[in-house]
Amino acid sequence: MIARTWRGWVRSEDRAAYAAYVEETGMAQYRRTPGNMAAHLLTRDLGDGRAEVVTVSLWASLDDVRAFAGDDVDAAVFYPEDDRYLVDRERTVTHYEVH
């Protein structure tokens, strides 16, 4: 099993709206892709005017990740309104083997 993680940062006041947006876009697309076993969205207020957003998805194989992300599985996938919310973001994702 493969875990795929990504992090981004939004203004604290945008946390709830961005979380809802990610649920409608990325999380929904994760869950519709064959081989996805779970998808979670984590948020936390950093106390400096920003909130951190983390996505964690579990996949049966790296080939299943590729079906979602394309050939460059290490590139983060973004959606049209991400630029509206994100003040910073990772451009790549991290993959882990789950034991």
PDB file of N, CA and C in Angstrom:
ATOM      1  N   MET A   1       0.850  -1.175   0.000  1.00  0.00           N
ATOM      2  CA  MET A   1       0.000   0.000   0.000  1.00  0.00           C
ATOM      3  C   MET A   1       0.894   1.236   0.000  1.00  0.00           C
ATOM      4  N   ILE A   2       0.418   2.288  -0.656  1.00  0.00           N
ATOM      5  CA  ILE A   2       1.153   3.543  -0.781  1.00  0.00           C
ATOM      6  C   ILE A   2       0.360   4.665  -0.099  1.00  0.00           C
ATOM      7  N   ALA A   3       1.040   5.471   0.706  1.00  0.00           N
ATOM      8  CA  ALA A   3       0.450   6.688   1.267  1.00  0.00           C
ATOM      9  C   ALA A   3       1.016   7.867   0.491  1.00  0.00           C
ATOM     10  N   ARG A   4       0.149   8.783   0.103  1.00  0.00           N
ATOM     11  CA  ARG A   4       0.523   9.986  -0.647  1.00  0.00           C
ATOM     12  C   ARG A   4       0.146  11.193   0.206  1.00  0.00           C
ATOM     13  N   THR A   5       1.115  12.070   0.464  1.00  0.00           N
ATOM     14  CA  THR A   5       0.838  13.239   1.307  1.00  0.00           C
ATOM     15  C   THR A   5       1.226  14.519   0.580  1.00  0.00           C
ATOM     16  N   TRP A   6       0.501  15.587   0.919  1.00  0.00           N
ATOM     17  CA  TRP A   6       0.772  16.915   0.374  1.00  0.00           C
ATOM     18  C   TRP A   6       0.418  17.944   1.431  1.00  0.00           C
ATOM     19  N   ARG A   7       1.132  19.097   1.431  1.00  0.00           N
ATOM     20  CA  ARG A   7       0.853  20.184   2.373  1.00  0.00           C
ATOM     21  C   ARG A   7       0.717  21.513   1.653  1.00  0.00           C
ATOM     22  N   GLY A   8      -0.197  22.325   2.171  1.00  0.00           N
ATOM     23  CA  GLY A   8      -0.368  23.691   1.695  1.00  0.00           C
ATOM     24  C   GLY A   8      -0.763  24.569   2.867  1.00  0.00           C
ATOM     25  N   TRP A   9      -0.753  25.888   2.644  1.00  0.00           N
ATOM     26  CA  TRP A   9      -1.062  26.841   3.703  1.00  0.00           C
ATOM     27  C   TRP A   9      -2.035  27.883   3.174  1.00  0.00           C
ATOM     28  N   VAL A  10      -3.039  28.186   3.983  1.00  0.00           N
ATOM     29  CA  VAL A  10      -4.045  29.194   3.652  1.00  0.00           C
ATOM     30  C   VAL A  10      -4.138  30.191   4.802  1.00  0.00           C
ATOM     31  N   ARG A  11      -4.791  31.326   4.551  1.00  0.00           N
ATOM     32  CA  ARG A  11      -5.079  32.251   5.646  1.00  0.00           C
ATOM     33  C   ARG A  11      -6.022  31.542   6.621  1.00  0.00           C
ATOM     34  N   SER A  12      -5.828  31.769   7.900  1.00  0.00           N
ATOM     35  CA  SER A  12      -6.653  31.096   8.912  1.00  0.00           C
ATOM     36  C   SER A  12      -8.136  31.273   8.642  1.00  0.00           C
ATOM     37  N   GLU A  13      -8.534  32.473   8.213  1.00  0.00           N
ATOM     38  CA  GLU A  13      -9.954  32.724   7.980  1.00  0.00           C
ATOM     39  C   GLU A  13     -10.501  31.971   6.765  1.00  0.00           C
ATOM     40  N   ASP A  14      -9.623  31.437   5.913  1.00  0.00           N
ATOM     41  CA  ASP A  14     -10.043  30.679   4.735  1.00  0.00           C
ATOM     42  C   ASP A  14     -10.038  29.172   4.961  1.00  0.00           C
ATOM     43  N   ARG A  15      -9.639  28.743   6.156  1.00  0.00           N
ATOM     44  CA  ARG A  15      -9.469  27.302   6.400  1.00  0.00           C
ATOM     45  C   ARG A  15     -10.733  26.505   6.105  1.00  0.00           C
ATOM     46  N   ALA A  16     -11.857  26.892   6.649  1.00  0.00           N
ATOM     47  CA  ALA A  16     -13.095  26.119   6.451  1.00  0.00           C
ATOM     48  C   ALA A  16     -13.521  26.120   4.991  1.00  0.00           C
ATOM     49  N   ALA A  17     -13.446  27.260   4.330  1.00  0.00           N
ATOM     50  CA  ALA A  17     -13.849  27.347   2.921  1.00  0.00           C
ATOM     51  C   ALA A  17     -12.929  26.506   2.044  1.00  0.00           C
ATOM     52  N   TYR A  18     -11.631  26.551   2.313  1.00  0.00           N
ATOM     53  CA  TYR A  18     -10.700  25.764   1.500  1.00  0.00           C
ATOM     54  C   TYR A  18     -10.887  24.273   1.763  1.00  0.00           C
ATOM     55  N   ALA A  19     -11.100  23.905   3.019  1.00  0.00           N
ATOM     56  CA  ALA A  19     -11.341  22.492   3.336  1.00  0.00           C
ATOM     57  C   ALA A  19     -12.563  21.984   2.578  1.00  0.00           C
ATOM     58  N   ALA A  20     -13.628  22.767   2.527  1.00  0.00           N
ATOM     59  CA  ALA A  20     -14.826  22.374   1.784  1.00  0.00           C
ATOM     60  C   ALA A  20     -14.515  22.247   0.296  1.00  0.00           C
ATOM     61  N   TYR A  21     -13.729  23.189  -0.239  1.00  0.00           N
ATOM     62  CA  TYR A  21     -13.350  23.151  -1.647  1.00  0.00           C
ATOM     63  C   TYR A  21     -12.530  21.902  -1.965  1.00  0.00           C
ATOM     64  N   VAL A  22     -11.563  21.584  -1.111  1.00  0.00           N
ATOM     65  CA  VAL A  22     -10.728  20.396  -1.344  1.00  0.00           C
ATOM     66  C   VAL A  22     -11.565  19.127  -1.261  1.00  0.00           C
ATOM     67  N   GLU A  23     -12.525  19.085  -0.355  1.00  0.00           N
ATOM     68  CA  GLU A  23     -13.415  17.918  -0.275  1.00  0.00           C
ATOM     69  C   GLU A  23     -14.171  17.727  -1.583  1.00  0.00           C
ATOM     70  N   GLU A  24     -14.618  18.827  -2.198  1.00  0.00           N
ATOM     71  CA  GLU A  24     -15.391  18.756  -3.441  1.00  0.00           C
ATOM     72  C   GLU A  24     -14.529  18.419  -4.650  1.00  0.00           C
ATOM     73  N   THR A  25     -13.247  18.734  -4.593  1.00  0.00           N
ATOM     74  CA  THR A  25     -12.365  18.543  -5.751  1.00  0.00           C
ATOM     75  C   THR A  25     -11.430  17.363  -5.525  1.00  0.00           C
ATOM     76  N   GLY A  26     -10.305  17.602  -4.899  1.00  0.00           N
ATOM     77  CA  GLY A  26      -9.275  16.579  -4.751  1.00  0.00           C
ATOM     78  C   GLY A  26      -9.719  15.336  -4.011  1.00  0.00           C
ATOM     79  N   MET A  27     -10.366  15.510  -2.861  1.00  0.00           N
ATOM     80  CA  MET A  27     -10.799  14.343  -2.093  1.00  0.00           C
ATOM     81  C   MET A  27     -11.809  13.512  -2.879  1.00  0.00           C
ATOM     82  N   ALA A  28     -12.745  14.189  -3.529  1.00  0.00           N
ATOM     83  CA  ALA A  28     -13.742  13.478  -4.337  1.00  0.00           C
ATOM     84  C   ALA A  28     -13.069  12.724  -5.487  1.00  0.00           C
ATOM     85  N   GLN A  29     -12.083  13.359  -6.133  1.00  0.00           N
ATOM     86  CA  GLN A  29     -11.400  12.689  -7.240  1.00  0.00           C
ATOM     87  C   GLN A  29     -10.569  11.517  -6.731  1.00  0.00           C
ATOM     88  N   TYR A  30      -9.882  11.691  -5.601  1.00  0.00           N
ATOM     89  CA  TYR A  30      -9.170  10.551  -5.003  1.00  0.00           C
ATOM     90  C   TYR A  30     -10.118   9.372  -4.852  1.00  0.00           C
ATOM     91  N   ARG A  31     -11.236   9.612  -4.192  1.00  0.00           N
ATOM     92  CA  ARG A  31     -12.158   8.535  -3.818  1.00  0.00           C
ATOM     93  C   ARG A  31     -12.816   7.872  -5.024  1.00  0.00           C
ATOM     94  N   ARG A  32     -12.932   8.597  -6.131  1.00  0.00           N
ATOM     95  CA  ARG A  32     -13.511   8.019  -7.356  1.00  0.00           C
ATOM     96  C   ARG A  32     -12.502   7.195  -8.148  1.00  0.00           C
ATOM     97  N   THR A  33     -11.217   7.346  -7.867  1.00  0.00           N
ATOM     98  CA  THR A  33     -10.190   6.663  -8.650  1.00  0.00           C
ATOM     99  C   THR A  33     -10.027   5.230  -8.158  1.00  0.00           C
ATOM    100  N   PRO A  34     -10.161   4.249  -9.055  1.00  0.00           N
ATOM    101  CA  PRO A  34      -9.953   2.853  -8.651  1.00  0.00           C
ATOM    102  C   PRO A  34      -8.577   2.679  -8.001  1.00  0.00           C
ATOM    103  N   GLY A  35      -8.538   1.921  -6.931  1.00  0.00           N
ATOM    104  CA  GLY A  35      -7.296   1.685  -6.212  1.00  0.00           C
ATOM    105  C   GLY A  35      -7.110   2.602  -5.022  1.00  0.00           C
ATOM    106  N   ASN A  36      -7.943   3.648  -4.918  1.00  0.00           N
ATOM    107  CA  ASN A  36      -7.879   4.502  -3.726  1.00  0.00           C
ATOM    108  C   ASN A  36      -8.562   3.776  -2.592  1.00  0.00           C
ATOM    109  N   MET A  37      -7.871   3.703  -1.473  1.00  0.00           N
ATOM    110  CA  MET A  37      -8.395   2.980  -0.320  1.00  0.00           C
ATOM    111  C   MET A  37      -8.912   3.915   0.768  1.00  0.00           C
ATOM    112  N   ALA A  38      -8.443   5.156   0.767  1.00  0.00           N
ATOM    113  CA  ALA A  38      -8.892   6.152   1.746  1.00  0.00           C
ATOM    114  C   ALA A  38      -8.317   7.502   1.356  1.00  0.00           C
ATOM    115  N   ALA A  39      -8.999   8.561   1.793  1.00  0.00           N
ATOM    116  CA  ALA A  39      -8.501   9.926   1.571  1.00  0.00           C
ATOM    117  C   ALA A  39      -8.938  10.770   2.757  1.00  0.00           C
ATOM    118  N   HIS A  40      -7.982  11.480   3.341  1.00  0.00           N
ATOM    119  CA  HIS A  40      -8.247  12.294   4.526  1.00  0.00           C
ATOM    120  C   HIS A  40      -7.688  13.696   4.325  1.00  0.00           C
ATOM    121  N   LEU A  41      -8.381  14.664   4.900  1.00  0.00           N
ATOM    122  CA  LEU A  41      -7.957  16.059   4.872  1.00  0.00           C
ATOM    123  C   LEU A  41      -7.736  16.503   6.313  1.00  0.00           C
ATOM    124  N   LEU A  42      -6.553  16.996   6.603  1.00  0.00           N
ATOM    125  CA  LEU A  42      -6.194  17.449   7.935  1.00  0.00           C
ATOM    126  C   LEU A  42      -5.941  18.947   7.887  1.00  0.00           C
ATOM    127  N   THR A  43      -6.376  19.673   8.904  1.00  0.00           N
ATOM    128  CA  THR A  43      -6.075  21.105   8.990  1.00  0.00           C
ATOM    129  C   THR A  43      -5.682  21.437  10.418  1.00  0.00           C
ATOM    130  N   ARG A  44      -4.891  22.498  10.549  1.00  0.00           N
ATOM    131  CA  ARG A  44      -4.567  23.017  11.878  1.00  0.00           C
ATOM    132  C   ARG A  44      -4.206  24.486  11.761  1.00  0.00           C
ATOM    133  N   ASP A  45      -4.632  25.249  12.771  1.00  0.00           N
ATOM    134  CA  ASP A  45      -4.309  26.666  12.824  1.00  0.00           C
ATOM    135  C   ASP A  45      -2.901  26.804  13.377  1.00  0.00           C
ATOM    136  N   LEU A  46      -2.061  27.583  12.710  1.00  0.00           N
ATOM    137  CA  LEU A  46      -0.667  27.742  13.128  1.00  0.00           C
ATOM    138  C   LEU A  46      -0.471  28.905  14.098  1.00  0.00           C
ATOM    139  N   GLY A  47      -1.505  29.697  14.313  1.00  0.00           N
ATOM    140  CA  GLY A  47      -1.412  30.793  15.263  1.00  0.00           C
ATOM    141  C   GLY A  47      -0.698  32.027  14.745  1.00  0.00           C
ATOM    142  N   ASP A  48      -0.363  32.038  13.462  1.00  0.00           N
ATOM    143  CA  ASP A  48       0.337  33.186  12.874  1.00  0.00           C
ATOM    144  C   ASP A  48      -0.452  33.786  11.711  1.00  0.00           C
ATOM    145  N   GLY A  49      -1.750  33.493  11.692  1.00  0.00           N
ATOM    146  CA  GLY A  49      -2.580  33.968  10.595  1.00  0.00           C
ATOM    147  C   GLY A  49      -2.717  32.966   9.469  1.00  0.00           C
ATOM    148  N   ARG A  50      -2.036  31.833   9.599  1.00  0.00           N
ATOM    149  CA  ARG A  50      -2.098  30.789   8.570  1.00  0.00           C
ATOM    150  C   ARG A  50      -2.639  29.499   9.170  1.00  0.00           C
ATOM    151  N   ALA A  51      -3.199  28.681   8.299  1.00  0.00           N
ATOM    152  CA  ALA A  51      -3.598  27.321   8.655  1.00  0.00           C
ATOM    153  C   ALA A  51      -2.890  26.377   7.695  1.00  0.00           C
ATOM    154  N   GLU A  52      -2.441  25.262   8.219  1.00  0.00           N
ATOM    155  CA  GLU A  52      -1.806  24.226   7.403  1.00  0.00           C
ATOM    156  C   GLU A  52      -2.878  23.228   6.982  1.00  0.00           C
ATOM    157  N   VAL A  53      -2.794  22.798   5.744  1.00  0.00           N
ATOM    158  CA  VAL A  53      -3.708  21.812   5.178  1.00  0.00           C
ATOM    159  C   VAL A  53      -2.853  20.641   4.702  1.00  0.00           C
ATOM    160  N   VAL A  54      -3.227  19.437   5.102  1.00  0.00           N
ATOM    161  CA  VAL A  54      -2.494  18.239   4.703  1.00  0.00           C
ATOM    162  C   VAL A  54      -3.488  17.254   4.113  1.00  0.00           C
ATOM    163  N   THR A  55      -3.152  16.697   2.954  1.00  0.00           N
ATOM    164  CA  THR A  55      -3.949  15.600   2.415  1.00  0.00           C
ATOM    165  C   THR A  55      -3.146  14.316   2.559  1.00  0.00           C
ATOM    166  N   VAL A  56      -3.845  13.271   2.936  1.00  0.00           N
ATOM    167  CA  VAL A  56      -3.251  11.938   3.059  1.00  0.00           C
ATOM    168  C   VAL A  56      -4.186  10.983   2.336  1.00  0.00           C
ATOM    169  N   SER A  57      -3.651  10.306   1.362  1.00  0.00           N
ATOM    170  CA  SER A  57      -4.471   9.315   0.654  1.00  0.00           C
ATOM    171  C   SER A  57      -3.723   7.992   0.634  1.00  0.00           C
ATOM    172  N   LEU A  58      -4.485   6.918   0.664  1.00  0.00           N
ATOM    173  CA  LEU A  58      -3.926   5.562   0.650  1.00  0.00           C
ATOM    174  C   LEU A  58      -4.331   4.878  -0.636  1.00  0.00           C
ATOM    175  N   TRP A  59      -3.354   4.219  -1.242  1.00  0.00           N
ATOM    176  CA  TRP A  59      -3.541   3.613  -2.556  1.00  0.00           C
ATOM    177  C   TRP A  59      -3.051   2.175  -2.544  1.00  0.00           C
ATOM    178  N   ALA A  60      -3.685   1.339  -3.344  1.00  0.00           N
ATOM    179  CA  ALA A  60      -3.279  -0.063  -3.437  1.00  0.00           C
ATOM    180  C   ALA A  60      -1.890  -0.208  -4.065  1.00  0.00           C
ATOM    181  N   SER A  61      -1.567   0.674  -5.015  1.00  0.00           N
ATOM    182  CA  SER A  61      -0.269   0.583  -5.695  1.00  0.00           C
ATOM    183  C   SER A  61       0.112   1.931  -6.288  1.00  0.00           C
ATOM    184  N   LEU A  62       1.368   2.060  -6.679  1.00  0.00           N
ATOM    185  CA  LEU A  62       1.822   3.274  -7.342  1.00  0.00           C
ATOM    186  C   LEU A  62       1.155   3.432  -8.713  1.00  0.00           C
ATOM    187  N   ASP A  63       0.815   2.333  -9.365  1.00  0.00           N
ATOM    188  CA  ASP A  63       0.078   2.414 -10.630  1.00  0.00           C
ATOM    189  C   ASP A  63      -1.297   3.044 -10.423  1.00  0.00           C
ATOM    190  N   ASP A  64      -1.920   2.776  -9.284  1.00  0.00           N
ATOM    191  CA  ASP A  64      -3.207   3.412  -8.986  1.00  0.00           C
ATOM    192  C   ASP A  64      -3.027   4.909  -8.746  1.00  0.00           C
ATOM    193  N   VAL A  65      -1.939   5.293  -8.091  1.00  0.00           N
ATOM    194  CA  VAL A  65      -1.628   6.719  -7.921  1.00  0.00           C
ATOM    195  C   VAL A  65      -1.466   7.362  -9.289  1.00  0.00           C
ATOM    196  N   ARG A  66      -0.767   6.685 -10.181  1.00  0.00           N
ATOM    197  CA  ARG A  66      -0.531   7.198 -11.533  1.00  0.00           C
ATOM    198  C   ARG A  66      -1.855   7.433 -12.276  1.00  0.00           C
ATOM    199  N   ALA A  67      -2.831   6.586 -12.053  1.00  0.00           N
ATOM    200  CA  ALA A  67      -4.143   6.763 -12.690  1.00  0.00           C
ATOM    201  C   ALA A  67      -4.789   8.069 -12.228  1.00  0.00           C
ATOM    202  N   PHE A  68      -4.511   8.491 -10.992  1.00  0.00           N
ATOM    203  CA  PHE A  68      -5.031   9.759 -10.491  1.00  0.00           C
ATOM    204  C   PHE A  68      -4.157  10.932 -10.931  1.00  0.00           C
ATOM    205  N   ALA A  69      -2.839  10.810 -10.723  1.00  0.00           N
ATOM    206  CA  ALA A  69      -1.928  11.951 -10.831  1.00  0.00           C
ATOM    207  C   ALA A  69      -1.281  12.115 -12.201  1.00  0.00           C
ATOM    208  N   GLY A  70      -1.294  11.092 -13.014  1.00  0.00           N
ATOM    209  CA  GLY A  70      -0.577  11.151 -14.287  1.00  0.00           C
ATOM    210  C   GLY A  70       0.803  10.533 -14.151  1.00  0.00           C
ATOM    211  N   ASP A  71       1.575  10.611 -15.229  1.00  0.00           N
ATOM    212  CA  ASP A  71       2.880   9.947 -15.257  1.00  0.00           C
ATOM    213  C   ASP A  71       3.863  10.478 -14.228  1.00  0.00           C
ATOM    214  N   ASP A  72       3.816  11.770 -13.937  1.00  0.00           N
ATOM    215  CA  ASP A  72       4.710  12.343 -12.919  1.00  0.00           C
ATOM    216  C   ASP A  72       4.013  12.248 -11.567  1.00  0.00           C
ATOM    217  N   VAL A  73       4.121  11.090 -10.936  1.00  0.00           N
ATOM    218  CA  VAL A  73       3.382  10.849  -9.693  1.00  0.00           C
ATOM    219  C   VAL A  73       3.847  11.733  -8.546  1.00  0.00           C
ATOM    220  N   ASP A  74       5.036  12.330  -8.666  1.00  0.00           N
ATOM    221  CA  ASP A  74       5.557  13.191  -7.603  1.00  0.00           C
ATOM    222  C   ASP A  74       5.063  14.633  -7.703  1.00  0.00           C
ATOM    223  N   ALA A  75       4.426  14.992  -8.797  1.00  0.00           N
ATOM    224  CA  ALA A  75       3.890  16.348  -8.962  1.00  0.00           C
ATOM    225  C   ALA A  75       2.549  16.458  -8.258  1.00  0.00           C
ATOM    226  N   ALA A  76       2.354  17.527  -7.517  1.00  0.00           N
ATOM    227  CA  ALA A  76       1.060  17.777  -6.870  1.00  0.00           C
ATOM    228  C   ALA A  76       0.020  18.104  -7.935  1.00  0.00           C
ATOM    229  N   VAL A  77      -1.223  17.748  -7.666  1.00  0.00           N
ATOM    230  CA  VAL A  77      -2.341  18.037  -8.552  1.00  0.00           C
ATOM    231  C   VAL A  77      -3.093  19.235  -7.973  1.00  0.00           C
ATOM    232  N   PHE A  78      -3.304  20.259  -8.783  1.00  0.00           N
ATOM    233  CA  PHE A  78      -3.999  21.460  -8.325  1.00  0.00           C
ATOM    234  C   PHE A  78      -5.287  21.657  -9.111  1.00  0.00           C
ATOM    235  N   TYR A  79      -6.181  22.451  -8.521  1.00  0.00           N
ATOM    236  CA  TYR A  79      -7.500  22.712  -9.090  1.00  0.00           C
ATOM    237  C   TYR A  79      -7.663  24.223  -9.293  1.00  0.00           C
ATOM    238  N   PRO A  80      -8.625  24.631 -10.115  1.00  0.00           N
ATOM    239  CA  PRO A  80      -8.723  26.036 -10.537  1.00  0.00           C
ATOM    240  C   PRO A  80      -8.759  27.070  -9.411  1.00  0.00           C
ATOM    241  N   GLU A  81      -9.426  26.800  -8.306  1.00  0.00           N
ATOM    242  CA  GLU A  81      -9.560  27.793  -7.242  1.00  0.00           C
ATOM    243  C   GLU A  81      -8.442  27.731  -6.202  1.00  0.00           C
ATOM    244  N   ASP A  82      -7.492  26.811  -6.349  1.00  0.00           N
ATOM    245  CA  ASP A  82      -6.399  26.722  -5.376  1.00  0.00           C
ATOM    246  C   ASP A  82      -5.649  28.040  -5.236  1.00  0.00           C
ATOM    247  N   ASP A  83      -5.400  28.721  -6.346  1.00  0.00           N
ATOM    248  CA  ASP A  83      -4.656  29.989  -6.292  1.00  0.00           C
ATOM    249  C   ASP A  83      -5.391  31.048  -5.471  1.00  0.00           C
ATOM    250  N   ARG A  84      -6.688  30.961  -5.434  1.00  0.00           N
ATOM    251  CA  ARG A  84      -7.489  31.912  -4.660  1.00  0.00           C
ATOM    252  C   ARG A  84      -7.230  31.773  -3.157  1.00  0.00           C
ATOM    253  N   TYR A  85      -6.986  30.549  -2.709  1.00  0.00           N
ATOM    254  CA  TYR A  85      -6.860  30.266  -1.280  1.00  0.00           C
ATOM    255  C   TYR A  85      -5.420  30.129  -0.782  1.00  0.00           C
ATOM    256  N   LEU A  86      -4.590  29.440  -1.533  1.00  0.00           N
ATOM    257  CA  LEU A  86      -3.265  29.067  -1.026  1.00  0.00           C
ATOM    258  C   LEU A  86      -2.308  30.245  -0.961  1.00  0.00           C
ATOM    259  N   VAL A  87      -1.671  30.407   0.200  1.00  0.00           N
ATOM    260  CA  VAL A  87      -0.623  31.422   0.335  1.00  0.00           C
ATOM    261  C   VAL A  87       0.758  30.795   0.139  1.00  0.00           C
ATOM    262  N   ASP A  88       0.835  29.474   0.264  1.00  0.00           N
ATOM    263  CA  ASP A  88       2.056  28.715  -0.020  1.00  0.00           C
ATOM    264  C   ASP A  88       1.639  27.268  -0.209  1.00  0.00           C
ATOM    265  N   ARG A  89       2.469  26.507  -0.895  1.00  0.00           N
ATOM    266  CA  ARG A  89       2.135  25.111  -1.158  1.00  0.00           C
ATOM    267  C   ARG A  89       3.363  24.317  -1.539  1.00  0.00           C
ATOM    268  N   GLU A  90       3.301  23.035  -1.286  1.00  0.00           N
ATOM    269  CA  GLU A  90       4.300  22.128  -1.820  1.00  0.00           C
ATOM    270  C   GLU A  90       3.919  21.844  -3.267  1.00  0.00           C
ATOM    271  N   ARG A  91       4.897  21.875  -4.142  1.00  0.00           N
ATOM    272  CA  ARG A  91       4.654  21.590  -5.561  1.00  0.00           C
ATOM    273  C   ARG A  91       4.782  20.094  -5.854  1.00  0.00           C
ATOM    274  N   THR A  92       5.342  19.380  -4.905  1.00  0.00           N
ATOM    275  CA  THR A  92       5.482  17.934  -5.045  1.00  0.00           C
ATOM    276  C   THR A  92       4.784  17.261  -3.873  1.00  0.00           C
ATOM    277  N   VAL A  93       4.568  15.973  -4.005  1.00  0.00           N
ATOM    278  CA  VAL A  93       3.975  15.171  -2.950  1.00  0.00           C
ATOM    279  C   VAL A  93       5.029  14.190  -2.451  1.00  0.00           C
ATOM    280  N   THR A  94       4.728  13.551  -1.344  1.00  0.00           N
ATOM    281  CA  THR A  94       5.613  12.534  -0.791  1.00  0.00           C
ATOM    282  C   THR A  94       4.852  11.211  -0.757  1.00  0.00           C
ATOM    283  N   HIS A  95       5.533  10.166  -1.170  1.00  0.00           N
ATOM    284  CA  HIS A  95       4.943   8.823  -1.138  1.00  0.00           C
ATOM    285  C   HIS A  95       5.678   7.975  -0.118  1.00  0.00           C
ATOM    286  N   TYR A  96       4.921   7.169   0.597  1.00  0.00           N
ATOM    287  CA  TYR A  96       5.466   6.260   1.599  1.00  0.00           C
ATOM    288  C   TYR A  96       4.904   4.861   1.349  1.00  0.00           C
ATOM    289  N   GLU A  97       5.698   3.852   1.651  1.00  0.00           N
ATOM    290  CA  GLU A  97       5.177   2.500   1.688  1.00  0.00           C
ATOM    291  C   GLU A  97       4.568   2.277   3.054  1.00  0.00           C
ATOM    292  N   VAL A  98       3.360   1.734   3.075  1.00  0.00           N
ATOM    293  CA  VAL A  98       2.674   1.458   4.325  1.00  0.00           C
ATOM    294  C   VAL A  98       2.877  -0.025   4.646  1.00  0.00           C
ATOM    295  N   HIS A  99       3.336  -0.291   5.847  1.00  0.00           N
ATOM    296  CA  HIS A  99       3.612  -1.686   6.261  1.00  0.00           C
ATOM    297  C   HIS A  99       2.606  -2.146   7.275  1.00  0.00           C
TER     298      HIS A  99
END
